[in-house]
Amino acid sequence: MPEQGTWRISTAYDYVNELDAPDLAWEFLRRNPEYQQDYNRLKQRGFGEDQAAAALSAKWGLSFRGRPRTPGARRERSLVADSRSLDADPAGAPDLGCTCTCC
């Protein structure tokens, strides 16, 4: 039976052996359907990156790394599942609209 997709090809995941703990956690969190739903819900509501980062941080226990910024230049930041996020202040995190007790 031929293989479909790359998930069964072990060489497609060789890079995972080189990941540190935070990168390994991010690799699997970004694939989590519930995380993707939370991100999309925030995007649809029009929350800014800082508010979205705060909400995702509060619910998912994320710690966003800061990056050096050029004075006067605003860099776009992304919480989308295919990229790495930046730092955020979890204070005042918007409600993700879920009914769980964790956020």
N, C-alpha and C. Protein backbone atom coordinates (compact mmCIF):
# COMPACT_ATOMS: atom_id res chain seq x y z
N MET A 1 0.85 -1.17 0.00
CA MET A 1 0.00 0.00 0.00
C MET A 1 0.90 1.24 0.00
N PRO A 2 0.72 2.17 -0.94
CA PRO A 2 1.57 3.36 -0.99
C PRO A 2 1.26 4.31 0.16
N GLU A 3 2.31 5.00 0.61
CA GLU A 3 2.13 5.97 1.69
C GLU A 3 1.46 7.23 1.14
N GLN A 4 0.58 7.81 1.93
CA GLN A 4 -0.08 9.05 1.54
C GLN A 4 0.35 10.13 2.51
N GLY A 5 0.79 11.25 1.98
CA GLY A 5 1.28 12.33 2.82
C GLY A 5 2.68 12.04 3.30
N THR A 6 3.20 12.94 4.15
CA THR A 6 4.58 12.77 4.64
C THR A 6 4.65 12.34 6.09
N TRP A 7 3.51 12.21 6.75
CA TRP A 7 3.56 11.92 8.19
C TRP A 7 4.16 10.56 8.50
N ARG A 8 4.15 9.66 7.58
CA ARG A 8 4.73 8.34 7.82
C ARG A 8 6.19 8.24 7.38
N ILE A 9 6.69 9.27 6.75
CA ILE A 9 8.08 9.28 6.30
C ILE A 9 8.92 9.88 7.41
N SER A 10 9.72 9.04 8.06
CA SER A 10 10.45 9.48 9.25
C SER A 10 11.40 10.63 8.96
N THR A 11 11.98 10.70 7.78
CA THR A 11 12.91 11.79 7.48
C THR A 11 12.21 13.15 7.45
N ALA A 12 10.90 13.17 7.23
CA ALA A 12 10.16 14.42 7.23
C ALA A 12 10.12 15.04 8.63
N TYR A 13 10.39 14.26 9.65
CA TYR A 13 10.35 14.75 11.02
C TYR A 13 11.70 14.69 11.71
N ASP A 14 12.79 14.51 10.97
CA ASP A 14 14.12 14.48 11.57
C ASP A 14 14.43 15.77 12.33
N TYR A 15 13.92 16.90 11.85
CA TYR A 15 14.19 18.18 12.49
C TYR A 15 13.69 18.21 13.94
N VAL A 16 12.68 17.42 14.26
CA VAL A 16 12.11 17.40 15.61
C VAL A 16 13.17 16.97 16.63
N ASN A 17 14.10 16.13 16.22
CA ASN A 17 15.16 15.68 17.12
C ASN A 17 16.06 16.81 17.58
N GLU A 18 16.10 17.91 16.84
CA GLU A 18 16.96 19.05 17.16
C GLU A 18 16.24 20.16 17.93
N LEU A 19 14.96 20.03 18.16
CA LEU A 19 14.19 21.09 18.81
C LEU A 19 14.42 21.09 20.32
N ASP A 20 14.46 22.30 20.91
CA ASP A 20 14.49 22.38 22.36
C ASP A 20 13.04 22.29 22.86
N ALA A 21 12.87 22.26 24.16
CA ALA A 21 11.52 22.04 24.73
C ALA A 21 10.49 23.07 24.26
N PRO A 22 10.78 24.38 24.30
CA PRO A 22 9.77 25.34 23.84
C PRO A 22 9.43 25.18 22.35
N ASP A 23 10.45 24.90 21.53
CA ASP A 23 10.17 24.72 20.11
C ASP A 23 9.38 23.46 19.84
N LEU A 24 9.65 22.42 20.59
CA LEU A 24 8.89 21.18 20.45
C LEU A 24 7.43 21.39 20.85
N ALA A 25 7.23 22.12 21.95
CA ALA A 25 5.87 22.42 22.39
C ALA A 25 5.13 23.24 21.33
N TRP A 26 5.81 24.25 20.76
CA TRP A 26 5.18 25.08 19.74
C TRP A 26 4.84 24.24 18.50
N GLU A 27 5.73 23.33 18.12
CA GLU A 27 5.51 22.50 16.94
C GLU A 27 4.19 21.74 17.04
N PHE A 28 3.86 21.27 18.22
CA PHE A 28 2.63 20.49 18.37
C PHE A 28 1.43 21.37 18.73
N LEU A 29 1.66 22.47 19.44
CA LEU A 29 0.54 23.37 19.75
C LEU A 29 -0.02 23.98 18.47
N ARG A 30 0.83 24.38 17.56
CA ARG A 30 0.36 25.03 16.34
C ARG A 30 -0.51 24.11 15.48
N ARG A 31 -0.42 22.81 15.72
CA ARG A 31 -1.23 21.84 14.99
C ARG A 31 -2.53 21.50 15.72
N ASN A 32 -2.67 21.97 16.94
CA ASN A 32 -3.83 21.66 17.77
C ASN A 32 -5.07 22.37 17.22
N PRO A 33 -6.09 21.62 16.87
CA PRO A 33 -7.30 22.23 16.30
C PRO A 33 -7.96 23.25 17.24
N GLU A 34 -7.91 23.03 18.54
CA GLU A 34 -8.51 23.98 19.48
C GLU A 34 -7.73 25.29 19.50
N TYR A 35 -6.41 25.22 19.44
CA TYR A 35 -5.58 26.44 19.37
C TYR A 35 -5.91 27.19 18.08
N GLN A 36 -6.00 26.48 16.98
CA GLN A 36 -6.32 27.11 15.70
C GLN A 36 -7.69 27.79 15.75
N GLN A 37 -8.65 27.15 16.41
CA GLN A 37 -9.99 27.75 16.55
C GLN A 37 -9.92 29.03 17.39
N ASP A 38 -9.16 28.98 18.49
CA ASP A 38 -9.03 30.17 19.34
C ASP A 38 -8.38 31.31 18.56
N TYR A 39 -7.32 31.01 17.83
CA TYR A 39 -6.65 32.04 17.04
C TYR A 39 -7.62 32.63 16.01
N ASN A 40 -8.33 31.77 15.29
CA ASN A 40 -9.26 32.26 14.27
C ASN A 40 -10.40 33.07 14.88
N ARG A 41 -10.87 32.67 16.06
CA ARG A 41 -11.93 33.42 16.73
C ARG A 41 -11.46 34.84 17.07
N LEU A 42 -10.24 34.96 17.56
CA LEU A 42 -9.69 36.28 17.87
C LEU A 42 -9.51 37.11 16.60
N LYS A 43 -9.04 36.48 15.56
CA LYS A 43 -8.84 37.18 14.29
C LYS A 43 -10.17 37.70 13.75
N GLN A 44 -11.21 36.87 13.82
CA GLN A 44 -12.53 37.27 13.32
C GLN A 44 -13.11 38.41 14.14
N ARG A 45 -12.79 38.46 15.41
CA ARG A 45 -13.29 39.53 16.28
C ARG A 45 -12.50 40.82 16.10
N GLY A 46 -11.41 40.77 15.35
CA GLY A 46 -10.63 41.97 15.07
C GLY A 46 -9.67 42.39 16.18
N PHE A 47 -9.31 41.48 17.07
CA PHE A 47 -8.36 41.82 18.11
C PHE A 47 -6.99 42.10 17.52
N GLY A 48 -6.27 43.06 18.11
CA GLY A 48 -4.91 43.36 17.71
C GLY A 48 -3.96 42.27 18.19
N GLU A 49 -2.73 42.30 17.69
CA GLU A 49 -1.74 41.28 18.04
C GLU A 49 -1.50 41.22 19.55
N ASP A 50 -1.39 42.37 20.21
CA ASP A 50 -1.12 42.36 21.65
C ASP A 50 -2.27 41.73 22.43
N GLN A 51 -3.49 42.07 22.07
CA GLN A 51 -4.65 41.49 22.76
C GLN A 51 -4.76 39.99 22.47
N ALA A 52 -4.53 39.61 21.22
CA ALA A 52 -4.60 38.19 20.86
C ALA A 52 -3.51 37.41 21.59
N ALA A 53 -2.31 37.97 21.63
CA ALA A 53 -1.21 37.31 22.33
C ALA A 53 -1.54 37.14 23.80
N ALA A 54 -2.14 38.16 24.41
CA ALA A 54 -2.50 38.09 25.82
C ALA A 54 -3.54 37.00 26.06
N ALA A 55 -4.53 36.93 25.18
CA ALA A 55 -5.58 35.93 25.34
C ALA A 55 -5.04 34.52 25.16
N LEU A 56 -4.24 34.33 24.13
CA LEU A 56 -3.67 33.00 23.88
C LEU A 56 -2.70 32.62 24.99
N SER A 57 -1.97 33.59 25.48
CA SER A 57 -1.02 33.35 26.57
C SER A 57 -1.76 32.90 27.83
N ALA A 58 -2.86 33.59 28.13
CA ALA A 58 -3.63 33.27 29.34
C ALA A 58 -4.23 31.87 29.27
N LYS A 59 -4.79 31.52 28.13
CA LYS A 59 -5.45 30.23 28.02
C LYS A 59 -4.48 29.07 27.82
N TRP A 60 -3.49 29.26 26.96
CA TRP A 60 -2.62 28.16 26.55
C TRP A 60 -1.30 28.13 27.31
N GLY A 61 -1.07 29.08 28.21
CA GLY A 61 0.16 29.09 28.99
C GLY A 61 1.39 29.42 28.16
N LEU A 62 1.20 30.26 27.15
CA LEU A 62 2.31 30.61 26.26
C LEU A 62 3.18 31.69 26.86
N SER A 63 4.43 31.65 26.51
CA SER A 63 5.37 32.69 26.88
C SER A 63 5.97 33.21 25.58
N PHE A 64 5.68 34.45 25.25
CA PHE A 64 6.11 35.01 23.98
C PHE A 64 7.48 35.65 24.10
N ARG A 65 8.35 35.31 23.18
CA ARG A 65 9.69 35.88 23.15
C ARG A 65 9.64 37.27 22.54
N GLY A 66 10.43 38.17 23.13
CA GLY A 66 10.56 39.49 22.55
C GLY A 66 11.66 39.48 21.50
N ARG A 67 11.52 40.34 20.53
CA ARG A 67 12.55 40.49 19.50
C ARG A 67 13.03 41.94 19.53
N PRO A 68 14.31 42.14 19.24
CA PRO A 68 14.78 43.52 19.17
C PRO A 68 14.02 44.28 18.09
N ARG A 69 13.69 45.50 18.39
CA ARG A 69 12.94 46.30 17.42
C ARG A 69 13.75 47.54 17.06
N THR A 70 13.67 47.93 15.81
CA THR A 70 14.31 49.16 15.37
C THR A 70 13.45 50.33 15.85
N PRO A 71 14.07 51.34 16.50
CA PRO A 71 13.27 52.48 16.96
C PRO A 71 12.48 53.10 15.81
N GLY A 72 11.21 53.34 16.06
CA GLY A 72 10.36 53.98 15.08
C GLY A 72 9.76 53.03 14.04
N ALA A 73 10.23 51.82 14.00
CA ALA A 73 9.71 50.86 13.01
C ALA A 73 8.77 49.90 13.70
N ARG A 74 7.62 49.68 13.13
CA ARG A 74 6.64 48.73 13.68
C ARG A 74 6.69 47.48 12.83
N ARG A 75 7.04 46.38 13.44
CA ARG A 75 7.09 45.11 12.73
C ARG A 75 5.78 44.37 12.95
N GLU A 76 5.28 43.77 11.91
CA GLU A 76 4.09 42.94 12.05
C GLU A 76 4.43 41.69 12.83
N ARG A 77 3.53 41.29 13.69
CA ARG A 77 3.72 40.09 14.50
C ARG A 77 2.61 39.12 14.17
N SER A 78 2.90 37.85 14.34
CA SER A 78 1.90 36.87 13.96
C SER A 78 1.79 35.77 15.00
N LEU A 79 0.56 35.39 15.30
CA LEU A 79 0.28 34.28 16.20
C LEU A 79 -0.27 33.11 15.41
N VAL A 80 -0.27 33.25 14.11
CA VAL A 80 -0.81 32.20 13.27
C VAL A 80 0.03 30.94 13.45
N ALA A 81 -0.58 29.83 13.24
CA ALA A 81 0.05 28.55 13.55
C ALA A 81 1.31 28.26 12.78
N ASP A 82 1.54 28.91 11.64
CA ASP A 82 2.74 28.58 10.89
C ASP A 82 3.92 29.48 11.21
N SER A 83 3.83 30.31 12.26
CA SER A 83 4.94 31.19 12.61
C SER A 83 5.08 31.30 14.11
N ARG A 84 6.16 31.89 14.55
CA ARG A 84 6.45 32.06 15.96
C ARG A 84 5.91 33.39 16.46
N SER A 85 5.44 33.44 17.69
CA SER A 85 4.84 34.63 18.26
C SER A 85 5.86 35.47 19.01
N LEU A 86 5.44 36.68 19.35
CA LEU A 86 6.27 37.58 20.13
C LEU A 86 5.71 37.77 21.53
N ASP A 87 6.37 38.65 22.31
CA ASP A 87 5.96 38.85 23.69
C ASP A 87 4.64 39.60 23.79
N ALA A 88 3.98 39.40 24.92
CA ALA A 88 2.72 40.09 25.18
C ALA A 88 2.49 40.16 26.68
N ASP A 89 1.73 41.15 27.08
CA ASP A 89 1.35 41.30 28.48
C ASP A 89 0.00 40.64 28.67
N PRO A 90 -0.09 39.57 29.50
CA PRO A 90 -1.37 38.88 29.65
C PRO A 90 -2.43 39.68 30.39
N ALA A 91 -2.07 40.79 31.00
CA ALA A 91 -3.07 41.59 31.71
C ALA A 91 -4.09 42.13 30.72
N GLY A 92 -5.35 42.02 31.07
CA GLY A 92 -6.40 42.53 30.21
C GLY A 92 -6.66 41.67 28.99
N ALA A 93 -6.35 40.40 29.08
CA ALA A 93 -6.55 39.50 27.95
C ALA A 93 -8.03 39.38 27.63
N PRO A 94 -8.40 39.50 26.36
CA PRO A 94 -9.81 39.37 26.00
C PRO A 94 -10.30 37.95 26.17
N ASP A 95 -11.58 37.83 26.42
CA ASP A 95 -12.21 36.51 26.54
C ASP A 95 -12.23 35.83 25.18
N LEU A 96 -11.82 34.59 25.13
CA LEU A 96 -11.82 33.85 23.87
C LEU A 96 -13.21 33.35 23.51
N GLY A 97 -14.16 33.53 24.37
CA GLY A 97 -15.52 33.10 24.08
C GLY A 97 -15.77 31.64 24.41
N CYS A 98 -14.84 31.01 25.09
CA CYS A 98 -15.06 29.61 25.44
C CYS A 98 -15.75 29.51 26.79
N THR A 99 -16.22 28.36 27.12
CA THR A 99 -16.95 28.16 28.37
C THR A 99 -16.15 27.38 29.39
N CYS A 100 -14.86 27.20 29.13
CA CYS A 100 -14.03 26.44 30.07
C CYS A 100 -13.74 27.29 31.30
N THR A 101 -13.15 26.70 32.30
CA THR A 101 -12.80 27.42 33.52
C THR A 101 -11.34 27.84 33.55
N CYS A 102 -10.61 27.58 32.45
CA CYS A 102 -9.17 27.87 32.45
C CYS A 102 -8.86 29.29 31.99
N CYS A 103 -9.78 30.02 31.40
CA CYS A 103 -9.45 31.38 30.93
C CYS A 103 -10.54 32.37 31.28
